[in-house]
Amino acid sequence: MTTVAPARRVQAEYPFEIHEDVPPSTQDTDMSTHEEMEADEEAEGEQPEDADDQQSNYSESFEEEVVDGNIQQDMEKLANTYPGFRHRYRLIKRIGEGTFSTVYKAEDLQYDRYDNSWDLDKENEKWSPPPLKTYASHSSMTTDATQSMEQARRRKPKYVAIKKIYVTSSPTRILNELELLHDLRNCPSVCPLITAFRSTDQVVAILPYFRHMDFREYFRKMTVPDMAIYLRSLFTALSFVHARHILHRDIKPTNFLYDPESRRGVLVDFGLAEREGADSKPCSCHDDPVARKMKLRAALHSNLSPHNGYPKQDTRPSRRANRAGTRGFRAPEVLFKCTQQTTKIDIWSVGVILLTILSRRFPFFNSADDVEAMIEIATIFGQKRMRAAGQLHGCMFETTIPTIGSVGFSLERIILWSTCRSDTGETLSGDEKLAVEFLNRCMELDPHRRISADEALQHEFLQMGVDEPAPLAEAGDDDEMDILKV
């Protein structure tokens, strides 16, 4: 077995060192079962927002940063795991930590020796070093090695994010994420995979270091044109992903790294992504409407007698479906355990992001489990529409909560209330009304009627600000902004 996973870097010289694993070392690692993977996905998807939003404090110069002793030991252990690692990357610090992986910032020491077509900023960096002063000296400053060090020191450093995936992660999931990233290369709005390494059961992925700002620092300041530019970048990525029949499954602000200065965003974290139709079973939502009504009528006829609560011995077969994702961003069909989910689940999640921005509230939905999530959605859309959404997937939705009305509320009213304008008699502006009309298309309870990524890019709302040039970003250290989340 070798340590190299599919790599996109083309090396000009110095062939990569191949490390041979000890044969028995990987035979002790068992593949996770389907049930274990579902449990892992549920656990990963239900991490609290605070865990996903961990921030790192950056100093002005990474050369002088003080790293915690335990973190330094982890970095040393990682660097010693792979032969030749220290010649390629210089670990700087830990920038993120999650349930299934840890991300480190590192300098790419051999950046100039590879094909770096993934680097979107290399064409814009026309930086030239100042002229060097020469001094008379009898030291070894004229040696080739010293000259190379001086040249590397003058070159602007290039950074990468090194994602160390924990050995407790399912090998199938790790392979799936790397394969999907490889298939999604060459899209400017999707995080590319530079390369990956494996040593026994330890896998690391090398990803670009993206300049971006924390969503919570700018979303309340966004104008409607800013929202359109933000979403156009996100839908550009989703259009590319969905065209390849891939579901991201975890669309949320922390997985879309956006830089308000350059107005460019990158979609990251495909750890829960899957190909459309993988492990899916037929669901009534894809049946002919007439056949679906007949099934529903038969189900209603067998449950005409009134009942309160749940039967002690429920003989109905259990229903299993992929529920991976983050609380508050799961689509209704995910909550109703649809067994034939489509790319439209990502569109709903984008709608939640837009609702968050328009209402100036983050997170907007804050449920503890799927039942509470359904109640939150039903409070807005009403029992009638929520019941119809459940019947679409062969489920019954009933509630006696008095605050959930039959009709619900319009999204326009929700936004006015959230922004404290409902009591003042103010109304939405023309641009806001256009944004709400687009929001209704994204948050359609019926996935078949929900707008697609390609249709969204043609919508009038996302055409706002197209001709407006992006402001020039101020030159500064890459450390000034946070980067890739775990």
Protein backbone atom coordinates (compact mmCIF):
# COMPACT_ATOMS: atom_id res chain seq x y z
CA MET A 1 0.00 0.00 0.00
CA THR A 2 1.22 3.50 -0.74
CA THR A 3 0.69 6.74 1.08
CA VAL A 4 -0.47 8.78 -1.90
CA ALA A 5 -4.16 9.30 -2.65
CA PRO A 6 -5.32 10.88 -5.95
CA ALA A 7 -3.13 13.94 -6.38
CA ARG A 8 -3.54 16.84 -8.78
CA ARG A 9 -0.16 18.44 -8.29
CA VAL A 10 2.32 18.01 -11.12
CA GLN A 11 5.84 17.99 -9.78
CA ALA A 12 8.68 19.34 -11.84
CA GLU A 13 11.47 17.60 -9.97
CA TYR A 14 12.27 15.47 -6.93
CA PRO A 15 9.96 12.45 -7.18
CA PHE A 16 7.66 11.89 -4.24
CA GLU A 17 8.91 9.39 -1.69
CA ILE A 18 6.73 6.30 -1.42
CA HIS A 19 6.17 4.91 2.02
CA GLU A 20 5.32 1.23 2.34
CA ASP A 21 2.85 0.26 5.06
CA VAL A 22 3.41 -2.79 7.20
CA PRO A 23 0.86 -5.29 5.78
CA PRO A 24 -0.80 -6.34 9.06
CA SER A 25 -1.27 -2.73 10.21
CA THR A 26 -4.34 -1.96 8.13
CA GLN A 27 -6.00 -5.33 8.46
CA ASP A 28 -7.01 -4.52 12.01
CA THR A 29 -9.17 -1.59 10.88
CA ASP A 30 -12.73 -2.75 10.29
CA MET A 31 -15.08 -1.08 7.86
CA SER A 32 -18.09 0.58 9.55
CA THR A 33 -21.48 -0.92 8.92
CA HIS A 34 -24.31 1.04 7.34
CA GLU A 35 -25.92 1.56 10.73
CA GLU A 36 -22.65 2.83 12.20
CA MET A 37 -22.23 5.25 9.31
CA GLU A 38 -25.73 6.57 9.84
CA ALA A 39 -25.00 7.05 13.52
CA ASP A 40 -21.76 8.85 12.65
CA GLU A 41 -23.51 11.08 10.13
CA GLU A 42 -26.20 11.94 12.64
CA ALA A 43 -23.62 12.72 15.28
CA GLU A 44 -21.61 14.84 12.89
CA GLY A 45 -24.64 16.65 11.57
CA GLU A 46 -25.98 17.45 15.02
CA GLN A 47 -22.92 19.20 16.40
CA PRO A 48 -23.93 22.49 18.02
CA GLU A 49 -23.26 25.63 16.02
CA ASP A 50 -20.65 26.78 18.52
CA ALA A 51 -18.57 23.73 17.69
CA ASP A 52 -18.69 24.53 13.97
CA ASP A 53 -17.97 28.21 14.49
CA GLN A 54 -14.73 27.93 16.39
CA GLN A 55 -12.50 30.90 15.63
CA SER A 56 -8.75 31.28 15.75
CA ASN A 57 -6.92 34.38 16.95
CA TYR A 58 -4.18 35.46 14.60
CA SER A 59 -1.18 37.56 15.43
CA GLU A 60 0.33 39.98 12.95
CA SER A 61 3.29 37.74 12.21
CA PHE A 62 3.08 33.96 12.19
CA GLU A 63 6.82 33.75 12.62
CA GLU A 64 6.54 34.90 16.24
CA GLU A 65 3.39 33.03 17.25
CA VAL A 66 3.50 31.01 20.44
CA VAL A 67 1.85 27.60 20.05
CA ASP A 68 0.51 25.64 23.00
CA GLY A 69 2.76 22.78 24.03
CA ASN A 70 0.18 20.04 23.45
CA ILE A 71 -0.69 21.43 20.03
CA GLN A 72 3.01 21.64 19.19
CA GLN A 73 3.40 17.96 20.08
CA ASP A 74 0.47 17.05 17.82
CA MET A 75 2.03 19.06 15.00
CA GLU A 76 5.38 17.33 15.49
CA LYS A 77 3.70 13.94 15.48
CA LEU A 78 1.83 14.78 12.27
CA ALA A 79 4.99 16.02 10.56
CA ASN A 80 6.84 12.84 11.52
CA THR A 81 4.07 10.56 10.24
CA TYR A 82 4.80 11.12 6.55
CA PRO A 83 8.26 10.85 4.95
CA GLY A 84 9.32 14.11 3.33
CA PHE A 85 6.52 16.09 4.99
CA ARG A 86 8.87 18.70 6.48
CA HIS A 87 10.39 19.39 3.06
CA ARG A 88 6.96 20.20 1.63
CA TYR A 89 5.00 21.91 4.39
CA ARG A 90 5.82 23.92 7.47
CA LEU A 91 3.08 23.62 10.07
CA ILE A 92 2.25 26.94 11.70
CA LYS A 93 -0.67 26.40 14.06
CA ARG A 94 -3.99 24.70 14.59
CA ILE A 95 -6.88 26.69 13.15
CA GLY A 96 -9.85 24.40 13.71
CA GLU A 97 -10.93 21.29 15.54
CA GLY A 98 -14.05 19.19 15.21
CA THR A 99 -15.50 15.79 15.97
CA PHE A 100 -13.93 14.02 13.01
CA SER A 101 -10.92 16.11 12.03
CA THR A 102 -8.45 18.85 12.91
CA VAL A 103 -7.22 21.54 10.51
CA TYR A 104 -3.77 23.12 10.61
CA LYS A 105 -2.41 26.09 8.78
CA ALA A 106 0.85 25.42 6.95
CA GLU A 107 3.17 27.11 4.51
CA ASP A 108 3.62 25.35 1.16
CA LEU A 109 7.41 25.18 0.85
CA GLN A 110 7.40 23.67 -2.64
CA TYR A 111 4.64 25.77 -4.16
CA ASP A 112 6.77 26.76 -7.17
CA ARG A 113 7.50 23.14 -8.10
CA TYR A 114 3.89 22.16 -8.83
CA ASP A 115 1.01 22.94 -11.12
CA ASN A 116 -1.07 25.29 -8.96
CA SER A 117 -4.04 25.78 -11.24
CA TRP A 118 -6.25 25.60 -8.13
CA ASP A 119 -4.83 28.92 -6.89
CA LEU A 120 -7.29 31.61 -7.97
CA ASP A 121 -5.09 34.44 -6.69
CA LYS A 122 -1.80 33.62 -8.36
CA GLU A 123 -2.61 35.67 -11.47
CA ASN A 124 -3.47 38.70 -9.35
CA GLU A 125 -0.32 38.59 -7.29
CA LYS A 126 2.20 40.60 -9.28
CA TRP A 127 4.41 41.13 -6.27
CA SER A 128 8.09 41.79 -6.79
CA PRO A 129 10.65 41.91 -3.99
CA PRO A 130 12.63 45.07 -3.29
CA PRO A 131 16.25 45.15 -4.50
CA LEU A 132 18.70 43.54 -2.16
CA LYS A 133 21.62 45.37 -0.68
CA THR A 134 24.98 43.66 -1.02
CA TYR A 135 27.47 43.60 1.78
CA ALA A 136 31.08 42.54 1.80
CA SER A 137 31.38 39.50 3.99
CA HIS A 138 33.64 36.50 4.40
CA SER A 139 30.75 34.32 5.57
CA SER A 140 29.01 31.66 3.53
CA MET A 141 26.24 34.04 2.41
CA THR A 142 27.14 33.47 -1.25
CA THR A 143 26.47 29.77 -1.21
CA ASP A 144 23.68 28.33 -3.34
CA ALA A 145 21.77 27.12 -0.29
CA THR A 146 21.82 30.56 1.30
CA GLN A 147 20.72 32.20 -1.94
CA SER A 148 17.80 29.78 -2.17
CA MET A 149 16.79 30.60 1.38
CA GLU A 150 16.95 34.31 0.64
CA GLN A 151 14.85 33.85 -2.48
CA ALA A 152 12.24 31.82 -0.56
CA ARG A 153 12.22 34.43 2.18
CA ARG A 154 11.57 37.22 -0.36
CA ARG A 155 8.74 35.33 -2.07
CA LYS A 156 5.31 35.91 -0.61
CA PRO A 157 4.47 32.77 1.39
CA LYS A 158 1.67 30.55 0.14
CA TYR A 159 -0.52 28.81 2.68
CA VAL A 160 -2.55 25.64 2.66
CA ALA A 161 -4.98 24.04 5.10
CA ILE A 162 -3.99 20.54 6.19
CA LYS A 163 -7.01 18.54 7.32
CA LYS A 164 -6.07 15.64 9.58
CA ILE A 165 -8.96 13.17 9.55
CA TYR A 166 -9.25 11.16 12.73
CA VAL A 167 -8.70 7.42 12.50
CA THR A 168 -12.14 6.87 14.08
CA SER A 169 -13.83 8.10 10.88
CA SER A 170 -15.27 5.50 8.56
CA PRO A 171 -12.81 4.61 5.76
CA THR A 172 -15.75 4.58 3.34
CA ARG A 173 -16.68 8.12 4.29
CA ILE A 174 -13.10 9.35 3.94
CA LEU A 175 -12.78 7.81 0.50
CA ASN A 176 -16.16 9.21 -0.50
CA GLU A 177 -15.17 12.76 0.47
CA LEU A 178 -11.86 12.59 -1.39
CA GLU A 179 -13.47 11.13 -4.51
CA LEU A 180 -16.18 13.79 -4.57
CA LEU A 181 -13.64 16.59 -4.15
CA HIS A 182 -11.63 15.11 -7.00
CA ASP A 183 -14.73 14.95 -9.22
CA LEU A 184 -15.62 18.56 -8.39
CA ARG A 185 -12.28 20.04 -9.41
CA ASN A 186 -12.02 23.03 -11.75
CA CYS A 187 -14.99 24.87 -10.24
CA PRO A 188 -13.95 28.31 -8.93
CA SER A 189 -16.64 28.26 -6.23
CA VAL A 190 -15.92 24.76 -4.86
CA CYS A 191 -13.00 23.95 -2.58
CA PRO A 192 -10.52 21.86 -4.60
CA LEU A 193 -8.49 18.97 -3.28
CA ILE A 194 -4.80 19.68 -3.81
CA THR A 195 -3.61 16.25 -2.76
CA ALA A 196 -3.97 13.67 0.02
CA PHE A 197 -1.67 11.33 1.95
CA ARG A 198 -2.21 8.15 3.94
CA SER A 199 0.00 6.34 6.41
CA THR A 200 -1.57 3.16 7.80
CA ASP A 201 -4.97 4.38 9.05
CA GLN A 202 -4.13 8.10 9.20
CA VAL A 203 -5.30 10.27 6.28
CA VAL A 204 -4.63 13.96 5.67
CA ALA A 205 -6.09 16.13 2.92
CA ILE A 206 -4.30 19.20 1.59
CA LEU A 207 -6.74 22.02 0.82
CA PRO A 208 -6.27 25.67 -0.17
CA TYR A 209 -6.14 28.37 2.46
CA PHE A 210 -9.10 30.68 1.78
CA ARG A 211 -9.36 34.26 2.87
CA HIS A 212 -12.82 34.98 4.31
CA MET A 213 -14.69 36.64 7.14
CA ASP A 214 -16.86 35.18 9.89
CA PHE A 215 -20.50 35.19 8.76
CA ARG A 216 -21.64 36.68 12.07
CA GLU A 217 -19.44 39.74 11.54
CA TYR A 218 -21.04 40.93 8.30
CA PHE A 219 -24.49 39.39 7.68
CA ARG A 220 -26.38 42.08 9.61
CA LYS A 221 -24.71 44.79 7.50
CA MET A 222 -25.58 43.25 4.14
CA THR A 223 -27.75 45.22 1.73
CA VAL A 224 -30.12 43.45 -0.65
CA PRO A 225 -27.59 43.68 -3.54
CA ASP A 226 -24.96 42.24 -1.17
CA MET A 227 -27.29 39.32 -0.46
CA ALA A 228 -27.77 38.73 -4.19
CA ILE A 229 -24.01 38.70 -4.82
CA TYR A 230 -23.45 36.35 -1.88
CA LEU A 231 -26.14 33.91 -3.02
CA ARG A 232 -25.10 34.08 -6.66
CA SER A 233 -21.66 32.83 -5.65
CA LEU A 234 -23.21 30.07 -3.55
CA PHE A 235 -25.66 29.01 -6.26
CA THR A 236 -22.82 28.97 -8.79
CA ALA A 237 -21.14 26.34 -6.65
CA LEU A 238 -24.37 24.39 -6.15
CA SER A 239 -25.15 24.46 -9.87
CA PHE A 240 -21.76 22.84 -10.50
CA VAL A 241 -22.26 20.29 -7.70
CA HIS A 242 -25.85 19.40 -8.60
CA ALA A 243 -25.01 19.05 -12.30
CA ARG A 244 -22.88 16.09 -11.23
CA HIS A 245 -25.80 14.68 -9.20
CA ILE A 246 -24.08 15.27 -5.86
CA LEU A 247 -25.88 16.33 -2.67
CA HIS A 248 -23.80 18.46 -0.32
CA ARG A 249 -26.19 17.79 2.60
CA ASP A 250 -24.66 20.37 4.94
CA ILE A 251 -25.17 23.81 3.43
CA LYS A 252 -24.78 26.49 6.10
CA PRO A 253 -22.86 29.77 6.52
CA THR A 254 -19.80 28.14 8.10
CA ASN A 255 -19.43 25.84 5.08
CA PHE A 256 -19.46 28.71 2.59
CA LEU A 257 -16.32 30.77 3.07
CA TYR A 258 -17.12 34.25 1.80
CA ASP A 259 -14.92 37.33 1.53
CA PRO A 260 -17.06 40.50 1.40
CA GLU A 261 -14.13 42.51 0.04
CA SER A 262 -13.52 40.40 -3.06
CA ARG A 263 -17.17 39.21 -3.14
CA ARG A 264 -16.01 35.66 -3.68
CA GLY A 265 -17.14 32.57 -1.82
CA VAL A 266 -16.03 28.95 -1.77
CA LEU A 267 -18.12 25.93 -0.79
CA VAL A 268 -16.25 23.59 1.55
CA ASP A 269 -16.69 20.47 3.72
CA PHE A 270 -18.03 17.58 1.65
CA GLY A 271 -17.78 15.15 4.57
CA LEU A 272 -21.53 14.41 4.47
CA ALA A 273 -21.97 14.71 0.71
CA GLU A 274 -23.22 11.80 -1.35
CA ARG A 275 -24.21 10.98 -4.88
CA GLU A 276 -27.88 11.36 -5.70
CA GLY A 277 -29.67 8.02 -5.52
CA ALA A 278 -27.04 6.32 -3.36
CA ASP A 279 -28.71 3.89 -0.94
CA SER A 280 -32.11 5.39 -1.73
CA LYS A 281 -35.42 3.55 -1.78
CA PRO A 282 -38.67 4.51 -3.55
CA CYS A 283 -40.70 7.20 -1.78
CA SER A 284 -44.30 8.18 -2.45
CA CYS A 285 -43.20 11.74 -3.24
CA HIS A 286 -41.97 10.43 -6.60
CA ASP A 287 -45.18 8.48 -7.33
CA ASP A 288 -47.88 9.58 -9.70
CA PRO A 289 -50.26 11.99 -7.87
CA VAL A 290 -53.24 9.69 -8.50
CA ALA A 291 -51.44 6.63 -7.09
CA ARG A 292 -50.23 8.67 -4.12
CA LYS A 293 -53.80 9.78 -3.33
CA MET A 294 -55.03 6.19 -3.45
CA LYS A 295 -52.34 5.10 -0.98
CA LEU A 296 -53.15 8.02 1.28
CA ARG A 297 -56.88 7.30 1.17
CA ALA A 298 -56.25 3.68 2.16
CA ALA A 299 -54.05 4.78 5.05
CA LEU A 300 -56.65 7.26 6.28
CA HIS A 301 -59.42 4.67 6.08
CA SER A 302 -57.49 2.34 8.39
CA ASN A 303 -57.00 5.09 10.96
CA LEU A 304 -60.47 6.63 11.15
CA SER A 305 -61.00 5.93 14.83
CA PRO A 306 -59.78 8.76 17.09
CA HIS A 307 -56.71 8.06 19.18
CA ASN A 308 -54.54 9.99 21.59
CA GLY A 309 -50.84 9.39 22.00
CA TYR A 310 -48.93 6.43 20.59
CA PRO A 311 -49.66 2.69 20.74
CA LYS A 312 -47.58 0.78 23.25
CA GLN A 313 -46.79 -1.90 20.68
CA ASP A 314 -46.48 -0.15 17.35
CA THR A 315 -46.61 -2.78 14.59
CA ARG A 316 -45.83 -0.33 11.82
CA PRO A 317 -42.49 -0.95 10.10
CA SER A 318 -39.71 1.44 11.05
CA ARG A 319 -38.57 3.95 8.48
CA ARG A 320 -34.89 4.67 7.95
CA ALA A 321 -33.49 7.50 5.86
CA ASN A 322 -30.39 9.66 5.69
CA ARG A 323 -30.77 12.53 8.16
CA ALA A 324 -27.24 13.92 7.89
CA GLY A 325 -26.98 17.66 8.19
CA THR A 326 -27.02 20.47 10.73
CA ARG A 327 -29.94 21.32 12.99
CA GLY A 328 -31.96 24.23 11.67
CA PHE A 329 -30.90 23.70 8.06
CA ARG A 330 -32.52 20.32 7.32
CA ALA A 331 -35.21 20.34 4.63
CA PRO A 332 -38.76 19.12 5.44
CA GLU A 333 -38.29 15.95 3.39
CA VAL A 334 -35.25 15.09 5.53
CA LEU A 335 -37.31 15.58 8.70
CA PHE A 336 -40.11 13.41 7.25
CA LYS A 337 -37.48 10.74 6.47
CA CYS A 338 -37.92 10.72 2.74
CA THR A 339 -36.06 7.71 1.36
CA GLN A 340 -35.49 9.28 -2.07
CA GLN A 341 -33.95 12.67 -1.35
CA THR A 342 -32.72 14.91 -4.16
CA THR A 343 -30.44 17.91 -4.59
CA LYS A 344 -33.38 20.12 -3.59
CA ILE A 345 -32.48 19.59 0.07
CA ASP A 346 -29.52 21.94 -0.48
CA ILE A 347 -31.81 24.61 -1.93
CA TRP A 348 -33.89 24.64 1.27
CA SER A 349 -30.73 25.15 3.32
CA VAL A 350 -29.79 28.15 1.16
CA GLY A 351 -33.29 29.51 1.79
CA VAL A 352 -32.65 29.28 5.54
CA ILE A 353 -29.44 31.29 5.06
CA LEU A 354 -31.33 33.99 3.14
CA LEU A 355 -34.06 34.05 5.80
CA THR A 356 -31.33 34.45 8.42
CA ILE A 357 -29.85 37.45 6.59
CA LEU A 358 -33.20 39.13 5.91
CA SER A 359 -34.37 38.67 9.51
CA ARG A 360 -30.97 39.59 11.00
CA ARG A 361 -31.21 36.56 13.31
CA PHE A 362 -28.63 33.79 13.49
CA PRO A 363 -29.42 31.02 13.97
CA PHE A 364 -33.01 31.49 12.85
CA PHE A 365 -34.13 27.94 13.66
CA ASN A 366 -32.79 26.61 16.94
CA SER A 367 -34.39 23.21 17.49
CA ALA A 368 -32.98 20.44 19.66
CA ASP A 369 -34.30 17.54 17.53
CA ASP A 370 -36.32 16.73 14.42
CA VAL A 371 -39.69 17.01 16.18
CA GLU A 372 -38.94 20.53 17.37
CA ALA A 373 -37.63 21.37 13.89
CA MET A 374 -40.96 20.33 12.36
CA ILE A 375 -42.81 22.43 14.94
CA GLU A 376 -40.70 25.48 14.08
CA ILE A 377 -41.43 25.07 10.37
CA ALA A 378 -45.12 24.43 11.05
CA THR A 379 -45.32 27.64 13.10
CA ILE A 380 -44.40 29.61 9.98
CA PHE A 381 -46.18 27.62 7.27
CA GLY A 382 -49.20 26.43 9.27
CA GLN A 383 -50.72 23.00 9.94
CA LYS A 384 -52.49 22.76 6.60
CA ARG A 385 -49.39 23.10 4.44
CA MET A 386 -47.28 21.05 6.83
CA ARG A 387 -49.85 18.24 6.76
CA ALA A 388 -49.78 18.25 2.95
CA ALA A 389 -45.97 18.14 3.01
CA GLY A 390 -46.04 15.09 5.27
CA GLN A 391 -48.60 13.29 3.12
CA LEU A 392 -46.32 13.82 0.15
CA HIS A 393 -43.88 11.42 1.81
CA GLY A 394 -46.48 9.07 3.25
CA CYS A 395 -46.44 10.66 6.72
CA MET A 396 -49.16 12.18 8.87
CA PHE A 397 -48.54 15.48 10.67
CA GLU A 398 -50.84 16.30 13.59
CA THR A 399 -50.33 18.67 16.48
CA THR A 400 -52.43 20.20 19.26
CA ILE A 401 -50.01 23.04 20.04
CA PRO A 402 -52.21 26.15 20.17
CA THR A 403 -49.54 28.48 18.78
CA ILE A 404 -49.45 26.59 15.47
CA GLY A 405 -52.25 28.00 13.37
CA SER A 406 -53.94 26.47 10.38
CA VAL A 407 -52.58 28.95 7.84
CA GLY A 408 -49.36 30.22 9.43
CA PHE A 409 -47.62 33.46 8.55
CA SER A 410 -46.14 34.94 5.42
CA LEU A 411 -42.36 35.21 5.23
CA GLU A 412 -42.74 38.94 4.67
CA ARG A 413 -44.53 39.28 8.01
CA ILE A 414 -41.91 37.13 9.73
CA ILE A 415 -39.13 39.39 8.42
CA LEU A 416 -40.92 42.58 9.45
CA TRP A 417 -41.43 41.18 12.94
CA SER A 418 -37.82 39.98 13.22
CA THR A 419 -36.48 43.40 12.22
CA CYS A 420 -38.84 45.22 14.63
CA ARG A 421 -40.81 46.93 11.88
CA SER A 422 -44.19 45.28 12.35
CA ASP A 423 -45.36 47.77 15.01
CA THR A 424 -44.15 50.87 13.18
CA GLY A 425 -46.23 50.31 10.06
CA GLU A 426 -43.17 50.06 7.82
CA THR A 427 -43.23 47.87 4.74
CA LEU A 428 -40.53 46.07 2.83
CA SER A 429 -38.68 47.94 0.11
CA GLY A 430 -38.98 46.89 -3.51
CA ASP A 431 -35.66 45.06 -3.38
CA GLU A 432 -36.64 43.28 -0.18
CA LYS A 433 -39.94 42.17 -1.71
CA LEU A 434 -38.01 40.70 -4.64
CA ALA A 435 -35.75 38.89 -2.18
CA VAL A 436 -38.77 37.52 -0.29
CA GLU A 437 -40.32 36.29 -3.56
CA PHE A 438 -37.07 34.45 -4.26
CA LEU A 439 -37.05 33.16 -0.66
CA ASN A 440 -40.51 31.65 -1.14
CA ARG A 441 -39.19 29.73 -4.15
CA CYS A 442 -36.31 28.35 -2.10
CA MET A 443 -38.38 27.43 0.96
CA GLU A 444 -41.15 25.61 -0.88
CA LEU A 445 -42.27 22.63 1.24
CA ASP A 446 -42.77 20.49 -1.88
CA PRO A 447 -39.28 19.70 -3.24
CA HIS A 448 -40.68 19.23 -6.75
CA ARG A 449 -41.89 22.84 -6.77
CA ARG A 450 -38.74 24.20 -5.15
CA ILE A 451 -36.45 26.21 -7.40
CA SER A 452 -33.29 24.53 -8.74
CA ALA A 453 -29.78 26.00 -8.67
CA ASP A 454 -29.81 26.66 -12.42
CA GLU A 455 -33.22 28.33 -12.22
CA ALA A 456 -32.06 30.41 -9.26
CA LEU A 457 -29.14 31.81 -11.25
CA GLN A 458 -31.64 33.08 -13.85
CA HIS A 459 -33.92 34.68 -11.26
CA GLU A 460 -34.26 38.47 -11.28
CA PHE A 461 -33.10 38.71 -7.67
CA LEU A 462 -29.70 37.14 -8.37
CA GLN A 463 -29.17 39.50 -11.29
CA MET A 464 -28.82 42.40 -8.88
CA GLY A 465 -25.28 43.76 -8.71
CA VAL A 466 -24.05 41.74 -11.69
CA ASP A 467 -22.60 44.76 -13.46
CA GLU A 468 -21.28 46.33 -10.27
CA PRO A 469 -17.48 45.85 -10.06
CA ALA A 470 -16.08 44.29 -6.94
CA PRO A 471 -14.03 46.66 -4.77
CA LEU A 472 -10.31 46.15 -4.69
CA ALA A 473 -9.26 44.23 -1.60
CA GLU A 474 -6.69 45.87 0.61
CA ALA A 475 -3.32 44.23 0.56
CA GLY A 476 -2.56 42.58 3.86
CA ASP A 477 -1.45 39.48 5.61
CA ASP A 478 -3.52 36.36 5.03
CA ASP A 479 -3.62 35.93 8.78
CA GLU A 480 -6.07 38.80 9.11
CA MET A 481 -8.99 36.53 8.34
CA ASP A 482 -10.02 33.09 9.46
CA ILE A 483 -10.03 30.14 7.09
CA LEU A 484 -11.32 26.66 6.56
CA LYS A 485 -13.70 25.18 9.15
CA VAL A 486 -13.53 21.56 10.21
